[in-house]
Amino acid sequence: MKKVDYIIVGQGLAGSVLAYQLLENKQTVLVIDEEKENTSSRVAAGLCNPVVFKRLTKSWLVDDVLANAKSFYQQQEKLLGEQFYFDIPIYKLFVDEKEANFWKQKSNEPQLFDWINHKIEHPFNQTYLDHKFGAAKTLQSGYLQTAKWLNHFREFLKKSNCFLSSTFDYSKIDFKKDSVIWNGYEAKQIIFCEGYQSIYNPYFKWLPFKLTKGEVLTVKFETLKLDAAINKGVFILPYNNNYKLGATYNWSDLNEETSQKGKDELIKKATKFIKDNIEVIEHKAGVRPTVSDRRPLIGVHPQYKQLGVFNGLGTKGVMLAPYFAQKLVNCLLNNEQLPEEVNINRFKIV
């Protein structure tokens, strides 16, 4: 029997951040993952946007989570010897004068001083990028090259003998008084970080996921050059000498297959304001483990104390993961209470 402190199921964003924070707290871990390449964590562009463009409000907990996230990924860069996190402004391109005036009005609110620039600009070549009503940028925004970081962190786990490439078979869970056994491994707890696959987990399928499929393109332009991200119905993000274009939201076609419909939707929205040839380099799709109340799902199973979950981080997952992983670690190791708004105990088992 091989013993570890924690078994983590899933090596996406949530599982990887949690694994590292447990290791930093002198805990032994085993991360189990199928090594699929089309998970939502790997497909995501990894944008860290400190505001919600639709309402022009601060992102949830941004004052606490963003600096913490940057510090975490910078620590990872030192550990793994590569750069993964990049600061970059995100320009909101206004659709009309009303939207531009709304930005000006909101930029005078003190709570947004640190997060958006009040100045309305025309910073791009309007021959190739239509923004006749102007644009304005976010402050302190950036992005994480999620797939690159996850790949490097996986190699770190493998070299540390902390990784098992396997499908997780729930039927092999064996509960003991103060531990849990799975397939020859004994641990204090198993923490499930499975993303949308959690809907198949017999112990956590009662959690209220509201899954969404997202598709993202990697594209190149014939002439247009950008050194900032832009948003106008879709986002365009400079990425490894090309650009990420995304993303779609589909609540019915819940699979990891790319679709012509998704591709056409993104291109159609982009060509409304990009006046240049767009060449598609790559097309990916993933299913987001979004939650009905748009808050993460974190905590220990109310009946099986040897099982926990860290999931549902949503579209702001790059910012939220380090902050809430530490909250979960404090809960597991120091019996600290989790915030009520993310604790799975806010829902009843159905």
Protein backbone atom coordinates (compact mmCIF):
# COMPACT_ATOMS: atom_id res chain seq x y z
CA MET A 1 0.00 0.00 0.00
CA LYS A 2 1.40 3.39 -1.04
CA LYS A 3 0.56 6.26 1.31
CA VAL A 4 0.13 9.95 0.49
CA ASP A 5 -1.59 12.76 2.34
CA TYR A 6 -3.91 13.77 -0.50
CA ILE A 7 -5.04 12.32 -3.79
CA ILE A 8 -6.11 15.00 -6.29
CA VAL A 9 -8.24 13.94 -9.23
CA GLY A 10 -7.73 16.27 -12.19
CA GLN A 11 -4.70 18.29 -13.31
CA GLY A 12 -6.49 21.31 -14.68
CA LEU A 13 -6.13 24.79 -13.25
CA ALA A 14 -7.83 23.94 -9.94
CA GLY A 15 -6.03 20.64 -9.37
CA SER A 16 -2.60 22.01 -10.28
CA VAL A 17 -2.82 25.10 -8.08
CA LEU A 18 -4.14 23.04 -5.17
CA ALA A 19 -1.42 20.40 -5.59
CA TYR A 20 1.33 22.99 -5.44
CA GLN A 21 -0.09 24.74 -2.41
CA LEU A 22 -0.38 21.42 -0.56
CA LEU A 23 3.22 20.59 -1.48
CA GLU A 24 4.27 24.01 -0.17
CA ASN A 25 2.62 23.05 3.11
CA LYS A 26 4.76 19.88 3.38
CA GLN A 27 1.95 17.55 2.31
CA THR A 28 2.48 14.62 -0.04
CA VAL A 29 0.16 14.43 -3.04
CA LEU A 30 -0.74 12.16 -5.91
CA VAL A 31 -2.37 13.89 -8.89
CA ILE A 32 -4.40 11.59 -11.16
CA ASP A 33 -5.24 12.78 -14.66
CA GLU A 34 -6.09 11.30 -18.07
CA GLU A 35 -3.78 13.79 -19.86
CA LYS A 36 -6.48 14.97 -22.27
CA GLU A 37 -5.63 18.08 -24.25
CA ASN A 38 -9.12 19.57 -24.76
CA THR A 39 -10.05 20.36 -21.17
CA SER A 40 -11.55 23.77 -20.46
CA SER A 41 -8.41 24.82 -18.55
CA ARG A 42 -6.22 24.10 -21.57
CA VAL A 43 -8.57 25.61 -24.14
CA ALA A 44 -9.09 28.84 -22.17
CA ALA A 45 -7.16 31.95 -23.18
CA GLY A 46 -6.40 32.65 -19.52
CA LEU A 47 -7.39 36.33 -19.48
CA CYS A 48 -7.32 38.15 -16.16
CA ASN A 49 -9.82 40.97 -16.58
CA PRO A 50 -10.34 43.00 -13.39
CA VAL A 51 -13.74 44.34 -14.52
CA VAL A 52 -17.03 42.99 -15.86
CA PHE A 53 -17.51 44.81 -19.16
CA LYS A 54 -21.26 44.25 -19.39
CA ARG A 55 -22.01 46.24 -16.22
CA LEU A 56 -18.59 47.88 -15.89
CA THR A 57 -18.14 46.79 -12.30
CA LYS A 58 -15.17 45.32 -10.51
CA SER A 59 -14.70 41.59 -10.88
CA TRP A 60 -15.71 39.64 -7.81
CA LEU A 61 -13.00 39.86 -5.10
CA VAL A 62 -10.52 41.42 -7.53
CA ASP A 63 -8.88 43.50 -4.78
CA ASP A 64 -7.94 40.27 -3.01
CA VAL A 65 -7.39 37.78 -5.79
CA LEU A 66 -5.54 39.50 -8.63
CA ALA A 67 -2.30 40.44 -6.87
CA ASN A 68 -2.32 37.05 -5.19
CA ALA A 69 -2.70 35.30 -8.54
CA LYS A 70 0.13 37.26 -10.17
CA SER A 71 2.40 36.42 -7.25
CA PHE A 72 1.53 32.73 -7.54
CA TYR A 73 2.26 32.51 -11.27
CA GLN A 74 5.48 34.47 -10.89
CA GLN A 75 6.49 31.91 -8.28
CA GLN A 76 5.72 29.19 -10.80
CA GLU A 77 7.94 30.93 -13.35
CA LYS A 78 10.85 30.80 -10.92
CA LEU A 79 10.13 27.16 -10.12
CA LEU A 80 9.79 25.98 -13.72
CA GLY A 81 12.12 28.39 -15.53
CA GLU A 82 9.61 29.70 -18.07
CA GLN A 83 7.35 32.74 -18.38
CA PHE A 84 3.64 31.99 -18.22
CA TYR A 85 1.97 35.20 -17.04
CA PHE A 86 1.99 38.41 -19.10
CA ASP A 87 0.67 41.87 -18.24
CA ILE A 88 -1.43 43.28 -21.06
CA PRO A 89 -4.10 45.99 -21.32
CA ILE A 90 -7.54 45.00 -22.54
CA TYR A 91 -9.21 47.64 -24.70
CA LYS A 92 -12.98 47.82 -24.76
CA LEU A 93 -14.06 48.95 -28.23
CA PHE A 94 -17.28 50.93 -27.95
CA VAL A 95 -20.24 50.08 -30.16
CA ASP A 96 -21.76 53.57 -29.94
CA GLU A 97 -21.42 56.94 -28.24
CA LYS A 98 -23.73 55.88 -25.41
CA GLU A 99 -21.37 53.08 -24.42
CA ALA A 100 -18.38 55.45 -24.52
CA ASN A 101 -20.19 57.95 -22.31
CA PHE A 102 -21.11 55.19 -19.87
CA TRP A 103 -17.41 54.29 -19.55
CA LYS A 104 -16.53 57.96 -18.89
CA GLN A 105 -19.19 58.12 -16.20
CA LYS A 106 -18.11 54.91 -14.49
CA SER A 107 -14.43 55.88 -14.61
CA ASN A 108 -15.21 58.67 -12.13
CA GLU A 109 -16.27 56.16 -9.49
CA PRO A 110 -13.49 55.74 -6.87
CA GLN A 111 -13.82 51.95 -6.71
CA LEU A 112 -12.79 51.74 -10.38
CA PHE A 113 -9.82 54.14 -10.26
CA ASP A 114 -7.32 51.25 -10.01
CA TRP A 115 -8.93 49.13 -12.69
CA ILE A 116 -9.92 51.27 -15.71
CA ASN A 117 -8.43 54.23 -17.53
CA HIS A 118 -10.80 57.17 -18.00
CA LYS A 119 -9.27 58.24 -21.32
CA ILE A 120 -11.18 57.49 -24.53
CA GLU A 121 -8.64 56.69 -27.25
CA HIS A 122 -8.29 55.65 -30.88
CA PRO A 123 -5.12 53.60 -30.42
CA PHE A 124 -5.38 51.26 -33.42
CA ASN A 125 -5.11 51.61 -37.17
CA GLN A 126 -8.71 52.26 -38.21
CA THR A 127 -8.01 50.96 -41.70
CA TYR A 128 -7.95 47.47 -40.25
CA LEU A 129 -9.80 47.86 -36.94
CA ASP A 130 -13.08 49.77 -36.82
CA HIS A 131 -13.41 51.64 -33.52
CA LYS A 132 -14.89 54.96 -34.62
CA PHE A 133 -16.53 55.49 -31.21
CA GLY A 134 -13.20 55.01 -29.48
CA ALA A 135 -11.80 52.57 -26.96
CA ALA A 136 -10.60 52.58 -23.36
CA LYS A 137 -8.43 50.15 -21.47
CA THR A 138 -8.34 48.18 -18.28
CA LEU A 139 -5.52 48.53 -15.77
CA GLN A 140 -3.59 45.69 -14.10
CA SER A 141 -4.97 43.12 -16.54
CA GLY A 142 -3.02 40.23 -18.02
CA TYR A 143 -3.21 36.62 -19.11
CA LEU A 144 -1.80 33.22 -18.24
CA GLN A 145 -0.69 30.81 -20.94
CA THR A 146 -2.65 28.08 -19.23
CA ALA A 147 -1.83 25.11 -21.44
CA LYS A 148 1.89 25.92 -21.37
CA TRP A 149 1.91 26.25 -17.58
CA LEU A 150 -0.13 23.06 -17.08
CA ASN A 151 2.25 21.11 -19.33
CA HIS A 152 5.31 22.32 -17.46
CA PHE A 153 3.70 21.73 -14.08
CA ARG A 154 2.73 18.20 -15.15
CA GLU A 155 6.39 17.47 -15.90
CA PHE A 156 7.32 18.86 -12.48
CA LEU A 157 4.79 16.50 -10.85
CA LYS A 158 6.09 13.54 -12.82
CA LYS A 159 9.70 14.24 -11.85
CA SER A 160 8.54 14.52 -8.24
CA ASN A 161 6.74 11.15 -8.47
CA CYS A 162 3.44 12.92 -7.74
CA PHE A 163 1.57 12.11 -10.95
CA LEU A 164 -0.40 9.12 -12.20
CA SER A 165 -1.75 9.02 -15.76
CA SER A 166 -5.03 7.18 -15.32
CA THR A 167 -8.80 7.32 -15.51
CA PHE A 168 -10.25 7.53 -12.01
CA ASP A 169 -12.53 4.57 -11.21
CA TYR A 170 -15.00 5.62 -8.48
CA SER A 171 -15.87 2.00 -7.74
CA LYS A 172 -12.38 1.43 -6.35
CA ILE A 173 -12.88 3.89 -3.47
CA ASP A 174 -12.71 2.12 -0.11
CA PHE A 175 -13.50 4.13 3.01
CA LYS A 176 -11.61 3.52 6.25
CA LYS A 177 -12.19 5.20 9.60
CA ASP A 178 -9.67 8.01 9.11
CA SER A 179 -8.51 7.49 5.54
CA VAL A 180 -9.57 6.42 2.09
CA ILE A 181 -8.05 3.80 -0.18
CA TRP A 182 -8.05 3.87 -3.97
CA ASN A 183 -6.38 1.32 -6.22
CA GLY A 184 -3.45 0.58 -3.89
CA TYR A 185 -3.06 4.14 -2.56
CA GLU A 186 -4.09 5.30 0.90
CA ALA A 187 -4.71 8.97 1.66
CA LYS A 188 -6.30 11.19 4.26
CA GLN A 189 -8.61 12.59 1.59
CA ILE A 190 -9.37 12.55 -2.11
CA ILE A 191 -10.01 16.01 -3.57
CA PHE A 192 -11.90 16.04 -6.86
CA CYS A 193 -10.87 18.77 -9.31
CA GLU A 194 -12.48 17.17 -12.33
CA GLY A 195 -14.01 20.12 -14.13
CA TYR A 196 -17.24 19.26 -15.91
CA GLN A 197 -16.56 15.52 -15.46
CA SER A 198 -17.82 16.02 -11.92
CA ILE A 199 -21.36 15.47 -13.22
CA TYR A 200 -20.43 11.77 -13.49
CA ASN A 201 -19.00 11.59 -9.96
CA PRO A 202 -21.49 9.58 -7.85
CA TYR A 203 -20.49 11.50 -4.71
CA PHE A 204 -20.80 15.02 -6.12
CA LYS A 205 -23.29 14.80 -9.00
CA TRP A 206 -25.83 16.64 -6.80
CA LEU A 207 -23.89 19.88 -7.16
CA PRO A 208 -25.72 22.40 -9.42
CA PHE A 209 -23.48 22.66 -12.45
CA LYS A 210 -24.75 24.67 -15.40
CA LEU A 211 -22.26 23.59 -18.03
CA THR A 212 -21.29 25.68 -21.02
CA LYS A 213 -19.32 24.68 -24.08
CA GLY A 214 -16.78 27.21 -25.31
CA GLU A 215 -14.90 27.34 -28.60
CA VAL A 216 -11.75 29.35 -29.26
CA LEU A 217 -9.80 29.97 -32.46
CA THR A 218 -6.12 30.68 -32.96
CA VAL A 219 -5.89 33.08 -35.90
CA LYS A 220 -3.48 35.30 -37.78
CA PHE A 221 -4.15 38.54 -39.64
CA GLU A 222 -2.67 39.60 -42.96
CA THR A 223 -1.74 43.14 -41.89
CA LEU A 224 -3.26 44.02 -38.51
CA LYS A 225 -0.81 44.07 -35.59
CA LEU A 226 -1.91 44.30 -31.96
CA ASP A 227 0.10 44.59 -28.76
CA ALA A 228 -3.00 44.74 -26.55
CA ALA A 229 -6.07 42.57 -26.09
CA ILE A 230 -9.36 43.92 -27.41
CA ASN A 231 -13.00 43.18 -26.64
CA LYS A 232 -16.07 43.89 -28.76
CA GLY A 233 -18.51 41.01 -28.46
CA VAL A 234 -15.52 38.66 -28.73
CA PHE A 235 -11.98 39.00 -27.43
CA ILE A 236 -8.77 39.13 -29.46
CA LEU A 237 -5.61 38.30 -27.53
CA PRO A 238 -2.02 38.44 -28.89
CA TYR A 239 -0.66 34.96 -28.28
CA ASN A 240 2.64 33.40 -29.42
CA ASN A 241 2.91 35.54 -32.59
CA ASN A 242 -0.72 34.78 -33.44
CA TYR A 243 -4.01 35.71 -31.77
CA LYS A 244 -6.65 33.95 -29.71
CA LEU A 245 -10.21 34.72 -30.81
CA GLY A 246 -13.06 33.70 -28.52
CA ALA A 247 -15.23 32.64 -27.09
CA THR A 248 -18.58 31.01 -27.72
CA TYR A 249 -21.11 30.07 -25.03
CA ASN A 250 -23.28 27.03 -25.76
CA TRP A 251 -25.50 25.51 -23.07
CA SER A 252 -26.94 22.65 -25.13
CA ASP A 253 -24.22 21.08 -27.31
CA LEU A 254 -22.14 19.86 -24.36
CA ASN A 255 -19.22 18.01 -25.91
CA GLU A 256 -15.56 18.71 -26.58
CA GLU A 257 -15.86 18.61 -30.37
CA THR A 258 -15.29 21.74 -32.42
CA SER A 259 -18.17 22.84 -34.62
CA GLN A 260 -18.53 24.75 -37.86
CA LYS A 261 -21.30 26.74 -36.16
CA GLY A 262 -18.95 27.87 -33.39
CA LYS A 263 -16.22 28.78 -35.87
CA ASP A 264 -18.63 30.72 -38.07
CA GLU A 265 -20.04 32.59 -35.06
CA LEU A 266 -16.61 33.80 -33.96
CA ILE A 267 -15.52 34.81 -37.45
CA LYS A 268 -18.80 36.63 -38.07
CA LYS A 269 -18.49 38.65 -34.87
CA ALA A 270 -14.82 39.44 -35.52
CA THR A 271 -15.33 40.61 -39.10
CA LYS A 272 -17.84 43.19 -37.91
CA PHE A 273 -14.91 45.30 -36.69
CA ILE A 274 -11.75 43.68 -38.08
CA LYS A 275 -11.17 44.83 -41.65
CA ASP A 276 -8.43 42.38 -42.54
CA ASN A 277 -8.08 38.82 -43.76
CA ILE A 278 -8.42 36.30 -40.93
CA GLU A 279 -6.70 32.94 -41.27
CA VAL A 280 -7.70 30.21 -38.81
CA ILE A 281 -4.66 28.31 -37.49
CA GLU A 282 -6.31 26.18 -34.82
CA HIS A 283 -9.79 25.51 -33.45
CA LYS A 284 -10.44 24.10 -29.97
CA ALA A 285 -13.44 23.42 -27.76
CA GLY A 286 -13.97 22.61 -24.11
CA VAL A 287 -16.79 22.36 -21.59
CA ARG A 288 -16.69 24.84 -18.73
CA PRO A 289 -17.72 23.58 -15.26
CA THR A 290 -19.84 26.65 -14.59
CA VAL A 291 -22.23 26.74 -11.64
CA SER A 292 -25.83 27.93 -11.37
CA ASP A 293 -24.98 30.72 -8.89
CA ARG A 294 -21.64 31.57 -10.59
CA ARG A 295 -19.60 30.83 -7.47
CA PRO A 296 -16.97 28.11 -6.99
CA LEU A 297 -17.74 24.75 -5.43
CA ILE A 298 -15.30 24.09 -2.61
CA GLY A 299 -15.44 21.93 0.48
CA VAL A 300 -15.68 18.53 2.12
CA HIS A 301 -18.54 16.13 1.40
CA PRO A 302 -21.20 16.46 4.13
CA GLN A 303 -21.41 12.67 4.58
CA TYR A 304 -18.06 11.30 3.38
CA LYS A 305 -15.42 13.38 5.16
CA GLN A 306 -12.61 11.70 3.24
CA LEU A 307 -13.82 13.32 0.01
CA GLY A 308 -13.54 16.96 -1.03
CA VAL A 309 -14.09 19.07 -4.10
CA PHE A 310 -12.43 22.12 -5.68
CA ASN A 311 -14.29 23.06 -8.83
CA GLY A 312 -16.51 25.55 -10.63
CA LEU A 313 -14.02 28.43 -10.79
CA GLY A 314 -15.65 29.73 -13.98
CA THR A 315 -14.32 32.23 -16.50
CA LYS A 316 -12.30 34.07 -13.83
CA GLY A 317 -10.55 30.88 -12.76
CA VAL A 318 -7.00 32.10 -13.44
CA MET A 319 -7.55 34.90 -10.91
CA LEU A 320 -9.55 32.89 -8.40
CA ALA A 321 -7.66 29.58 -8.24
CA PRO A 322 -4.63 30.56 -6.08
CA TYR A 323 -6.77 32.51 -3.59
CA PHE A 324 -9.35 29.79 -3.06
CA ALA A 325 -6.85 26.94 -3.15
CA GLN A 326 -5.22 28.55 -0.12
CA LYS A 327 -8.64 28.82 1.55
CA LEU A 328 -9.16 25.10 0.98
CA VAL A 329 -5.68 24.23 2.24
CA ASN A 330 -6.36 26.24 5.40
CA CYS A 331 -9.61 24.34 5.80
CA LEU A 332 -7.98 20.94 5.33
CA LEU A 333 -4.90 21.54 7.48
CA ASN A 334 -6.07 24.07 10.07
CA ASN A 335 -9.84 23.48 10.22
CA GLU A 336 -10.50 27.06 9.10
CA GLN A 337 -14.00 27.80 7.85
CA LEU A 338 -14.53 28.26 4.13
CA PRO A 339 -16.41 31.39 2.98
CA GLU A 340 -20.12 30.55 2.93
CA GLU A 341 -20.60 31.77 -0.65
CA VAL A 342 -18.24 29.09 -2.02
CA ASN A 343 -18.75 26.27 0.50
CA ILE A 344 -20.63 23.34 -1.05
CA ASN A 345 -22.73 23.17 2.12
CA ARG A 346 -24.79 26.03 0.67
CA PHE A 347 -26.51 23.33 -1.38
CA LYS A 348 -28.44 20.33 -0.12
CA ILE A 349 -27.83 16.83 -1.42
CA VAL A 350 -30.60 15.95 -3.83
